[in-house]
Amino acid sequence: MPTSDSDKINFSRTSYEIRKHWCYYLIAFILFAGFAAFYVYKKNPVYLFTSQVMIEQQEGSSSGGMAAMMKTFSIGSFGGGSVDDEQLVLESRSMLCEVISALQLNRMYVEKSGVRNLSLYKKSPVAVLAPDALFDTLKSGASFRIRLNADGTADIKVKQGMFKTVFNEKNRKLPMTITLPTGGTFAIDKTPFYKPGEERDIVVAVSSNNAVAEEYAERMDIDYSSKKANGILCTFKDNDLRRGTDFLNTLMTLYNRRRKNEKALDSTNEMNFIDDRLAT
C-alpha cells in the first residue's frame, strides 16, 4: 500500500518550526519547571512507619465439653484470638479513637511559613484546650487561625466550614476562651514553646475523634506480617516523624494493655467457673 506524504514526518519542517518559535517553547519549559519546583517545595515529605505484633494462640490444655463450657464464661479473646480477630481489633474505630484522644490528635497544629504548612506537633507556642469528652460528641469541626504579635497579643479568627466565620478579634491577650455556636468552649493559652517578641501565624484544625479516626484509617494498613507466622504488620504514613512514631507506639501500647486486661479477666472467669463446678 503506497504511503502518502501526509503520513510521513517532515523533520526538516518540524525543526524549522521549533527554531522559528523557540521563545514559546522556552517559556513553556520554564513554566512547567517552575510549577514542578513549586510543588516539590510546598509539599512536605511523607514517611512510612512500620510496627509488628505477635499474636498468642490459645493453649490446648483444656479439651472437650469443659473447654467449651469455660469459653462461654469468658469474655472476648484478646489474649489468644486468631490473627484475623486481632487485626479487626487493631483497625477498629474504638481503638483508633483511643489513640487519637491519648495523643490529642483531634487538634492539628500547622504553621504558615510562606507557601508551606509546617507541622507543629508537640511544639506549638499556643494550645487549644478543651475537655477530652467534648471531642467524642463534637458535631462540627473548626479552624482556629492565631496570629501571634510581637507585643504578646494575638489576632484570632475562627471558621466553621469554608466560609462561615464565627469569631474574629484582634489584639487579644492570652489566655482566653471562645464558645462556638454549635457547642463547645475552647481555651487558647501559651505553651512553654512560646517566645516573647515572635510573630507567628498558626492554624489549629479541631475535629471530633471519629472524624480524625476516619482520616487516619485511610493512612494505615494492617495485614499479616508473614503467612507462616502468627504476626501482624502495621504500616502508617505521616509527614511528621515524631507524630508517626508516637501513633504506632501508642497503638501498640493500648492494644497490649487491652490484651493484658482481657487475659486477666478470662483467667478470673475460668477460676470462678472451676470453683463453682467443684462446689457443685
C-alpha atoms as a PDB file:
ATOM      1  CA  MET A   1       0.000   0.000   0.000  1.00  0.00           C
ATOM      2  CA  PRO A   2       1.586   3.352  -1.013  1.00  0.00           C
ATOM      3  CA  THR A   3       2.327   5.873   1.687  1.00  0.00           C
ATOM      4  CA  SER A   4       1.058   9.398   1.177  1.00  0.00           C
ATOM      5  CA  ASP A   5       3.099  12.473   2.003  1.00  0.00           C
ATOM      6  CA  SER A   6       0.743  13.295   4.854  1.00  0.00           C
ATOM      7  CA  ASP A   7       1.758  10.075   6.667  1.00  0.00           C
ATOM      8  CA  LYS A   8       5.449  10.992   6.673  1.00  0.00           C
ATOM      9  CA  ILE A   9       7.167  13.079   9.347  1.00  0.00           C
ATOM     10  CA  ASN A  10       8.955  16.033   7.863  1.00  0.00           C
ATOM     11  CA  PHE A  11      11.837  16.509  10.308  1.00  0.00           C
ATOM     12  CA  SER A  12      13.229  19.494   8.498  1.00  0.00           C
ATOM     13  CA  ARG A  13       9.858  21.253   8.636  1.00  0.00           C
ATOM     14  CA  THR A  14       9.474  20.410  12.343  1.00  0.00           C
ATOM     15  CA  SER A  15      12.978  21.667  13.102  1.00  0.00           C
ATOM     16  CA  TYR A  16      12.241  24.878  11.222  1.00  0.00           C
ATOM     17  CA  GLU A  17       9.023  25.472  13.224  1.00  0.00           C
ATOM     18  CA  ILE A  18      10.845  24.889  16.543  1.00  0.00           C
ATOM     19  CA  ARG A  19      13.599  27.344  15.615  1.00  0.00           C
ATOM     20  CA  LYS A  20      11.054  29.867  14.440  1.00  0.00           C
ATOM     21  CA  HIS A  21       9.008  29.760  17.674  1.00  0.00           C
ATOM     22  CA  TRP A  22      11.805  28.856  20.093  1.00  0.00           C
ATOM     23  CA  CYS A  23      10.754  31.557  22.571  1.00  0.00           C
ATOM     24  CA  TYR A  24       7.333  29.927  23.112  1.00  0.00           C
ATOM     25  CA  TYR A  25       8.899  26.543  23.787  1.00  0.00           C
ATOM     26  CA  LEU A  26      11.344  28.139  26.227  1.00  0.00           C
ATOM     27  CA  ILE A  27       8.535  29.924  28.096  1.00  0.00           C
ATOM     28  CA  ALA A  28       6.522  26.698  28.324  1.00  0.00           C
ATOM     29  CA  PHE A  29       9.547  24.802  29.651  1.00  0.00           C
ATOM     30  CA  ILE A  30      10.228  27.478  32.274  1.00  0.00           C
ATOM     31  CA  LEU A  31       6.578  27.468  33.392  1.00  0.00           C
ATOM     32  CA  PHE A  32       6.412  23.691  33.738  1.00  0.00           C
ATOM     33  CA  ALA A  33       9.769  23.584  35.539  1.00  0.00           C
ATOM     34  CA  GLY A  34       8.616  26.374  37.848  1.00  0.00           C
ATOM     35  CA  PHE A  35       5.362  24.584  38.709  1.00  0.00           C
ATOM     36  CA  ALA A  36       7.275  21.373  39.414  1.00  0.00           C
ATOM     37  CA  ALA A  37       9.776  23.175  41.672  1.00  0.00           C
ATOM     38  CA  PHE A  38       6.951  24.967  43.496  1.00  0.00           C
ATOM     39  CA  TYR A  39       5.108  21.675  44.108  1.00  0.00           C
ATOM     40  CA  VAL A  40       8.243  19.966  45.449  1.00  0.00           C
ATOM     41  CA  TYR A  41       8.989  22.934  47.732  1.00  0.00           C
ATOM     42  CA  LYS A  42       5.425  23.220  49.061  1.00  0.00           C
ATOM     43  CA  LYS A  43       4.755  19.520  49.607  1.00  0.00           C
ATOM     44  CA  ASN A  44       6.121  18.023  52.818  1.00  0.00           C
ATOM     45  CA  PRO A  45       7.808  14.609  52.566  1.00  0.00           C
ATOM     46  CA  VAL A  46       5.692  11.617  53.629  1.00  0.00           C
ATOM     47  CA  TYR A  47       7.311   8.932  55.799  1.00  0.00           C
ATOM     48  CA  LEU A  48       6.289   5.284  56.154  1.00  0.00           C
ATOM     49  CA  PHE A  49       6.265   3.861  59.688  1.00  0.00           C
ATOM     50  CA  THR A  50       6.026   0.141  60.473  1.00  0.00           C
ATOM     51  CA  SER A  51       5.395  -1.943  63.565  1.00  0.00           C
ATOM     52  CA  GLN A  52       4.804  -5.652  64.172  1.00  0.00           C
ATOM     53  CA  VAL A  53       2.953  -7.546  66.883  1.00  0.00           C
ATOM     54  CA  MET A  54       2.980 -11.289  67.594  1.00  0.00           C
ATOM     55  CA  ILE A  55      -0.384 -12.904  68.337  1.00  0.00           C
ATOM     56  CA  GLU A  56      -0.505 -15.556  71.049  1.00  0.00           C
ATOM     57  CA  GLN A  57      -2.562 -18.587  70.179  1.00  0.00           C
ATOM     58  CA  GLN A  58      -4.883 -20.294  72.645  1.00  0.00           C
ATOM     59  CA  GLU A  59      -3.300 -23.142  74.520  1.00  0.00           C
ATOM     60  CA  GLY A  60      -4.791 -26.573  74.072  1.00  0.00           C
ATOM     61  CA  SER A  61      -4.546 -27.689  77.701  1.00  0.00           C
ATOM     62  CA  SER A  62      -8.308 -27.949  78.058  1.00  0.00           C
ATOM     63  CA  SER A  63     -10.454 -30.112  75.802  1.00  0.00           C
ATOM     64  CA  GLY A  64     -13.913 -31.451  75.194  1.00  0.00           C
ATOM     65  CA  GLY A  65     -17.036 -30.123  76.843  1.00  0.00           C
ATOM     66  CA  MET A  66     -15.122 -28.499  79.707  1.00  0.00           C
ATOM     67  CA  ALA A  67     -13.262 -26.189  77.305  1.00  0.00           C
ATOM     68  CA  ALA A  68     -16.474 -25.293  75.517  1.00  0.00           C
ATOM     69  CA  MET A  69     -18.248 -24.563  78.783  1.00  0.00           C
ATOM     70  CA  MET A  70     -15.349 -22.440  80.062  1.00  0.00           C
ATOM     71  CA  LYS A  71     -15.355 -20.471  76.837  1.00  0.00           C
ATOM     72  CA  THR A  72     -18.960 -19.461  77.442  1.00  0.00           C
ATOM     73  CA  PHE A  73     -17.896 -17.951  80.756  1.00  0.00           C
ATOM     74  CA  SER A  74     -15.028 -15.934  79.196  1.00  0.00           C
ATOM     75  CA  ILE A  75     -15.447 -12.503  77.708  1.00  0.00           C
ATOM     76  CA  GLY A  76     -13.602 -11.907  74.418  1.00  0.00           C
ATOM     77  CA  SER A  77     -10.301 -13.478  73.439  1.00  0.00           C
ATOM     78  CA  PHE A  78      -7.659 -10.764  73.171  1.00  0.00           C
ATOM     79  CA  GLY A  79      -5.072 -12.956  74.787  1.00  0.00           C
ATOM     80  CA  GLY A  80      -5.464 -15.866  72.420  1.00  0.00           C
ATOM     81  CA  GLY A  81      -7.528 -14.991  69.391  1.00  0.00           C
ATOM     82  CA  SER A  82      -6.786 -15.609  65.748  1.00  0.00           C
ATOM     83  CA  VAL A  83      -4.717 -13.241  63.663  1.00  0.00           C
ATOM     84  CA  ASP A  84      -7.835 -12.160  61.761  1.00  0.00           C
ATOM     85  CA  ASP A  85      -9.659 -11.315  65.000  1.00  0.00           C
ATOM     86  CA  GLU A  86      -6.753  -9.295  66.356  1.00  0.00           C
ATOM     87  CA  GLN A  87      -6.412  -7.492  63.039  1.00  0.00           C
ATOM     88  CA  LEU A  88     -10.018  -6.332  63.355  1.00  0.00           C
ATOM     89  CA  VAL A  89      -9.318  -5.102  66.891  1.00  0.00           C
ATOM     90  CA  LEU A  90      -6.263  -3.097  65.818  1.00  0.00           C
ATOM     91  CA  GLU A  91      -8.077  -1.327  62.985  1.00  0.00           C
ATOM     92  CA  SER A  92     -11.349  -0.844  64.886  1.00  0.00           C
ATOM     93  CA  ARG A  93     -12.791   2.651  65.258  1.00  0.00           C
ATOM     94  CA  SER A  94     -12.773   2.423  69.072  1.00  0.00           C
ATOM     95  CA  MET A  95      -9.045   1.612  69.146  1.00  0.00           C
ATOM     96  CA  LEU A  96      -8.204   4.474  66.784  1.00  0.00           C
ATOM     97  CA  CYS A  97     -10.289   6.898  68.844  1.00  0.00           C
ATOM     98  CA  GLU A  98      -8.371   5.861  71.976  1.00  0.00           C
ATOM     99  CA  VAL A  99      -5.060   6.614  70.259  1.00  0.00           C
ATOM    100  CA  ILE A 100      -6.299   9.958  68.937  1.00  0.00           C
ATOM    101  CA  SER A 101      -7.603  11.009  72.355  1.00  0.00           C
ATOM    102  CA  ALA A 102      -4.400   9.930  74.118  1.00  0.00           C
ATOM    103  CA  LEU A 103      -2.175  11.932  71.734  1.00  0.00           C
ATOM    104  CA  GLN A 104      -4.672  14.815  71.281  1.00  0.00           C
ATOM    105  CA  LEU A 105      -4.585  14.327  67.524  1.00  0.00           C
ATOM    106  CA  ASN A 106      -8.056  15.890  67.380  1.00  0.00           C
ATOM    107  CA  ARG A 107      -6.172  19.201  67.254  1.00  0.00           C
ATOM    108  CA  MET A 108      -3.716  19.558  64.371  1.00  0.00           C
ATOM    109  CA  TYR A 109      -1.262  22.454  64.665  1.00  0.00           C
ATOM    110  CA  VAL A 110       0.249  23.880  61.479  1.00  0.00           C
ATOM    111  CA  GLU A 111       2.381  26.980  60.977  1.00  0.00           C
ATOM    112  CA  LYS A 112       2.038  29.084  57.831  1.00  0.00           C
ATOM    113  CA  SER A 113       5.550  29.783  56.533  1.00  0.00           C
ATOM    114  CA  GLY A 114       5.296  31.385  53.113  1.00  0.00           C
ATOM    115  CA  VAL A 115       3.556  28.829  50.914  1.00  0.00           C
ATOM    116  CA  ARG A 116       4.472  25.911  53.175  1.00  0.00           C
ATOM    117  CA  ASN A 117       2.493  24.360  56.026  1.00  0.00           C
ATOM    118  CA  LEU A 118       4.851  23.141  58.739  1.00  0.00           C
ATOM    119  CA  SER A 119       3.703  20.632  61.364  1.00  0.00           C
ATOM    120  CA  LEU A 120       3.846  21.855  64.976  1.00  0.00           C
ATOM    121  CA  TYR A 121       3.022  18.526  66.627  1.00  0.00           C
ATOM    122  CA  LYS A 122       4.020  18.831  70.310  1.00  0.00           C
ATOM    123  CA  LYS A 123       5.958  22.054  69.681  1.00  0.00           C
ATOM    124  CA  SER A 124       3.273  24.683  69.124  1.00  0.00           C
ATOM    125  CA  PRO A 125       3.683  28.002  71.010  1.00  0.00           C
ATOM    126  CA  VAL A 126      -0.089  28.081  71.652  1.00  0.00           C
ATOM    127  CA  ALA A 127      -2.577  25.370  72.588  1.00  0.00           C
ATOM    128  CA  VAL A 128      -6.315  24.985  72.079  1.00  0.00           C
ATOM    129  CA  LEU A 129      -7.652  23.344  75.238  1.00  0.00           C
ATOM    130  CA  ALA A 130     -10.967  21.602  75.901  1.00  0.00           C
ATOM    131  CA  PRO A 131     -12.246  18.630  77.954  1.00  0.00           C
ATOM    132  CA  ASP A 132     -11.447  15.256  76.363  1.00  0.00           C
ATOM    133  CA  ALA A 133     -15.116  14.251  76.472  1.00  0.00           C
ATOM    134  CA  LEU A 134     -16.002  17.147  74.154  1.00  0.00           C
ATOM    135  CA  PHE A 135     -14.218  15.535  71.200  1.00  0.00           C
ATOM    136  CA  ASP A 136     -16.401  12.424  71.470  1.00  0.00           C
ATOM    137  CA  THR A 137     -19.567  14.465  70.869  1.00  0.00           C
ATOM    138  CA  LEU A 138     -18.271  17.353  68.740  1.00  0.00           C
ATOM    139  CA  LYS A 139     -20.708  17.781  65.842  1.00  0.00           C
ATOM    140  CA  SER A 140     -18.808  20.261  63.714  1.00  0.00           C
ATOM    141  CA  GLY A 141     -15.100  20.942  63.484  1.00  0.00           C
ATOM    142  CA  ALA A 142     -13.480  24.375  63.438  1.00  0.00           C
ATOM    143  CA  SER A 143     -10.347  26.111  62.230  1.00  0.00           C
ATOM    144  CA  PHE A 144      -8.561  28.495  64.614  1.00  0.00           C
ATOM    145  CA  ARG A 145      -6.188  30.934  62.907  1.00  0.00           C
ATOM    146  CA  ILE A 146      -3.962  32.503  65.561  1.00  0.00           C
ATOM    147  CA  ARG A 147      -1.543  35.271  64.627  1.00  0.00           C
ATOM    148  CA  LEU A 148       0.909  35.947  67.447  1.00  0.00           C
ATOM    149  CA  ASN A 149       2.016  39.572  67.647  1.00  0.00           C
ATOM    150  CA  ALA A 150       5.324  40.890  68.942  1.00  0.00           C
ATOM    151  CA  ASP A 151       3.611  42.707  71.840  1.00  0.00           C
ATOM    152  CA  GLY A 152       2.289  39.416  73.269  1.00  0.00           C
ATOM    153  CA  THR A 153      -1.273  39.752  71.968  1.00  0.00           C
ATOM    154  CA  ALA A 154      -2.935  37.575  69.346  1.00  0.00           C
ATOM    155  CA  ASP A 155      -5.302  38.063  66.401  1.00  0.00           C
ATOM    156  CA  ILE A 156      -7.756  35.178  66.438  1.00  0.00           C
ATOM    157  CA  LYS A 157     -10.142  34.113  63.695  1.00  0.00           C
ATOM    158  CA  VAL A 158     -12.334  31.013  63.965  1.00  0.00           C
ATOM    159  CA  LYS A 159     -14.124  29.494  60.984  1.00  0.00           C
ATOM    160  CA  GLN A 160     -16.560  26.618  60.719  1.00  0.00           C
ATOM    161  CA  GLY A 161     -16.800  25.302  57.207  1.00  0.00           C
ATOM    162  CA  MET A 162     -15.190  27.048  54.252  1.00  0.00           C
ATOM    163  CA  PHE A 163     -16.747  30.495  54.554  1.00  0.00           C
ATOM    164  CA  LYS A 164     -18.527  30.842  57.920  1.00  0.00           C
ATOM    165  CA  THR A 165     -16.560  32.993  60.382  1.00  0.00           C
ATOM    166  CA  VAL A 166     -17.852  32.598  63.962  1.00  0.00           C
ATOM    167  CA  PHE A 167     -15.182  34.634  65.805  1.00  0.00           C
ATOM    168  CA  ASN A 168     -12.815  37.379  64.672  1.00  0.00           C
ATOM    169  CA  GLU A 169     -10.995  39.663  67.113  1.00  0.00           C
ATOM    170  CA  LYS A 170      -7.584  41.288  67.185  1.00  0.00           C
ATOM    171  CA  ASN A 171      -5.044  42.182  69.864  1.00  0.00           C
ATOM    172  CA  ARG A 172      -6.479  39.767  72.430  1.00  0.00           C
ATOM    173  CA  LYS A 173      -4.480  38.801  75.477  1.00  0.00           C
ATOM    174  CA  LEU A 174      -3.905  35.124  76.213  1.00  0.00           C
ATOM    175  CA  PRO A 175      -5.273  33.030  77.831  1.00  0.00           C
ATOM    176  CA  MET A 176      -8.836  33.482  76.606  1.00  0.00           C
ATOM    177  CA  THR A 177     -11.926  31.342  75.975  1.00  0.00           C
ATOM    178  CA  ILE A 178     -14.166  31.004  72.914  1.00  0.00           C
ATOM    179  CA  THR A 179     -17.592  29.338  72.782  1.00  0.00           C
ATOM    180  CA  LEU A 180     -18.670  28.084  69.362  1.00  0.00           C
ATOM    181  CA  PRO A 181     -22.284  28.492  68.172  1.00  0.00           C
ATOM    182  CA  THR A 182     -22.538  24.735  67.539  1.00  0.00           C
ATOM    183  CA  GLY A 183     -21.447  23.978  71.092  1.00  0.00           C
ATOM    184  CA  GLY A 184     -18.150  23.581  72.884  1.00  0.00           C
ATOM    185  CA  THR A 185     -15.978  26.016  74.808  1.00  0.00           C
ATOM    186  CA  PHE A 186     -12.273  26.191  73.999  1.00  0.00           C
ATOM    187  CA  ALA A 187      -9.439  27.918  75.826  1.00  0.00           C
ATOM    188  CA  ILE A 188      -6.415  29.334  73.997  1.00  0.00           C
ATOM    189  CA  ASP A 189      -3.235  29.646  76.015  1.00  0.00           C
ATOM    190  CA  LYS A 190       0.530  29.897  75.577  1.00  0.00           C
ATOM    191  CA  THR A 191       2.790  26.853  75.922  1.00  0.00           C
ATOM    192  CA  PRO A 192       6.443  26.510  77.025  1.00  0.00           C
ATOM    193  CA  PHE A 193       7.406  26.806  73.336  1.00  0.00           C
ATOM    194  CA  TYR A 194       6.138  30.392  73.206  1.00  0.00           C
ATOM    195  CA  LYS A 195       8.888  33.014  72.852  1.00  0.00           C
ATOM    196  CA  PRO A 196       8.041  36.658  73.610  1.00  0.00           C
ATOM    197  CA  GLY A 197       8.521  39.045  70.718  1.00  0.00           C
ATOM    198  CA  GLU A 198       7.993  36.474  67.976  1.00  0.00           C
ATOM    199  CA  GLU A 199       5.401  36.938  65.231  1.00  0.00           C
ATOM    200  CA  ARG A 200       3.936  33.659  64.043  1.00  0.00           C
ATOM    201  CA  ASP A 201       0.941  32.532  62.013  1.00  0.00           C
ATOM    202  CA  ILE A 202      -0.603  29.293  63.284  1.00  0.00           C
ATOM    203  CA  VAL A 203      -3.677  27.341  62.195  1.00  0.00           C
ATOM    204  CA  VAL A 204      -5.267  24.780  64.525  1.00  0.00           C
ATOM    205  CA  ALA A 205      -7.766  22.358  62.944  1.00  0.00           C
ATOM    206  CA  VAL A 206     -10.143  20.985  65.586  1.00  0.00           C
ATOM    207  CA  SER A 207     -12.167  17.849  64.773  1.00  0.00           C
ATOM    208  CA  SER A 208     -14.021  15.084  66.563  1.00  0.00           C
ATOM    209  CA  ASN A 209     -12.263  11.828  67.405  1.00  0.00           C
ATOM    210  CA  ASN A 210     -14.421   9.944  64.901  1.00  0.00           C
ATOM    211  CA  ALA A 211     -13.595  12.345  62.054  1.00  0.00           C
ATOM    212  CA  VAL A 212      -9.857  12.091  62.710  1.00  0.00           C
ATOM    213  CA  ALA A 213     -10.093   8.300  63.094  1.00  0.00           C
ATOM    214  CA  GLU A 214     -11.659   8.064  59.640  1.00  0.00           C
ATOM    215  CA  GLU A 215      -8.809  10.085  58.142  1.00  0.00           C
ATOM    216  CA  TYR A 216      -6.097   8.113  59.940  1.00  0.00           C
ATOM    217  CA  ALA A 217      -7.667   4.784  58.951  1.00  0.00           C
ATOM    218  CA  GLU A 218      -7.041   5.677  55.284  1.00  0.00           C
ATOM    219  CA  ARG A 219      -3.339   6.224  56.038  1.00  0.00           C
ATOM    220  CA  MET A 220      -2.954   2.968  57.979  1.00  0.00           C
ATOM    221  CA  ASP A 221      -2.657  -0.572  56.660  1.00  0.00           C
ATOM    222  CA  ILE A 222      -2.797  -3.741  58.783  1.00  0.00           C
ATOM    223  CA  ASP A 223      -2.009  -7.145  57.310  1.00  0.00           C
ATOM    224  CA  TYR A 224      -0.236 -10.442  58.010  1.00  0.00           C
ATOM    225  CA  SER A 225       3.464  -9.961  58.668  1.00  0.00           C
ATOM    226  CA  SER A 226       4.052 -13.430  57.200  1.00  0.00           C
ATOM    227  CA  LYS A 227       1.874 -16.308  56.025  1.00  0.00           C
ATOM    228  CA  LYS A 228       3.936 -18.679  58.192  1.00  0.00           C
ATOM    229  CA  ALA A 229       3.898 -16.603  61.398  1.00  0.00           C
ATOM    230  CA  ASN A 230       1.142 -15.519  63.767  1.00  0.00           C
ATOM    231  CA  GLY A 231       2.036 -11.865  63.451  1.00  0.00           C
ATOM    232  CA  ILE A 232       0.505  -8.605  62.246  1.00  0.00           C
ATOM    233  CA  LEU A 233       2.334  -5.863  60.368  1.00  0.00           C
ATOM    234  CA  CYS A 234       1.065  -2.300  60.872  1.00  0.00           C
ATOM    235  CA  THR A 235       2.119   0.478  58.492  1.00  0.00           C
ATOM    236  CA  PHE A 236       1.255   4.151  58.753  1.00  0.00           C
ATOM    237  CA  LYS A 237       2.007   7.211  56.591  1.00  0.00           C
ATOM    238  CA  ASP A 238       2.642  10.677  58.035  1.00  0.00           C
ATOM    239  CA  ASN A 239       4.618  13.797  57.184  1.00  0.00           C
ATOM    240  CA  ASP A 240       5.754  14.296  60.812  1.00  0.00           C
ATOM    241  CA  LEU A 241       8.432  11.917  62.113  1.00  0.00           C
ATOM    242  CA  ARG A 242       7.530  12.278  65.776  1.00  0.00           C
ATOM    243  CA  ARG A 243       3.779  12.031  65.239  1.00  0.00           C
ATOM    244  CA  GLY A 244       4.074   8.916  63.086  1.00  0.00           C
ATOM    245  CA  THR A 245       6.288   7.210  65.673  1.00  0.00           C
ATOM    246  CA  ASP A 246       4.014   8.212  68.556  1.00  0.00           C
ATOM    247  CA  PHE A 247       0.923   6.990  66.707  1.00  0.00           C
ATOM    248  CA  LEU A 248       2.179   3.438  66.166  1.00  0.00           C
ATOM    249  CA  ASN A 249       3.812   3.211  69.614  1.00  0.00           C
ATOM    250  CA  THR A 250       0.596   4.339  71.323  1.00  0.00           C
ATOM    251  CA  LEU A 251      -1.492   1.975  69.182  1.00  0.00           C
ATOM    252  CA  MET A 252       0.686  -0.963  70.252  1.00  0.00           C
ATOM    253  CA  THR A 253       0.682   0.136  73.913  1.00  0.00           C
ATOM    254  CA  LEU A 254      -3.106   0.446  74.116  1.00  0.00           C
ATOM    255  CA  TYR A 255      -3.611  -2.805  72.216  1.00  0.00           C
ATOM    256  CA  ASN A 256      -1.271  -4.756  74.519  1.00  0.00           C
ATOM    257  CA  ARG A 257      -2.976  -3.204  77.534  1.00  0.00           C
ATOM    258  CA  ARG A 258      -6.369  -4.385  76.302  1.00  0.00           C
ATOM    259  CA  ARG A 259      -4.986  -7.854  75.646  1.00  0.00           C
ATOM    260  CA  LYS A 260      -3.492  -7.988  79.143  1.00  0.00           C
ATOM    261  CA  ASN A 261      -6.722  -6.842  80.787  1.00  0.00           C
ATOM    262  CA  GLU A 262      -8.770  -9.272  78.714  1.00  0.00           C
ATOM    263  CA  LYS A 263      -6.450 -12.158  79.551  1.00  0.00           C
ATOM    264  CA  ALA A 264      -6.660 -11.351  83.265  1.00  0.00           C
ATOM    265  CA  LEU A 265     -10.453 -11.219  83.043  1.00  0.00           C
ATOM    266  CA  ASP A 266     -10.548 -14.568  81.205  1.00  0.00           C
ATOM    267  CA  SER A 267      -8.359 -16.154  83.865  1.00  0.00           C
ATOM    268  CA  THR A 268     -10.575 -14.816  86.643  1.00  0.00           C
ATOM    269  CA  ASN A 269     -13.729 -16.107  84.963  1.00  0.00           C
ATOM    270  CA  GLU A 270     -12.172 -19.527  84.405  1.00  0.00           C
ATOM    271  CA  MET A 271     -11.103 -19.791  88.045  1.00  0.00           C
ATOM    272  CA  ASN A 272     -14.575 -18.777  89.182  1.00  0.00           C
ATOM    273  CA  PHE A 273     -16.047 -21.382  86.837  1.00  0.00           C
ATOM    274  CA  ILE A 274     -13.806 -24.135  88.200  1.00  0.00           C
ATOM    275  CA  ASP A 275     -14.552 -23.138  91.815  1.00  0.00           C
ATOM    276  CA  ASP A 276     -18.248 -23.191  91.062  1.00  0.00           C
ATOM    277  CA  ARG A 277     -18.067 -26.631  89.395  1.00  0.00           C
ATOM    278  CA  LEU A 278     -16.040 -28.044  92.292  1.00  0.00           C
ATOM    279  CA  ALA A 279     -18.534 -26.683  94.812  1.00  0.00           C
ATOM    280  CA  THR A 280     -21.381 -28.193  92.797  1.00  0.00           C
END
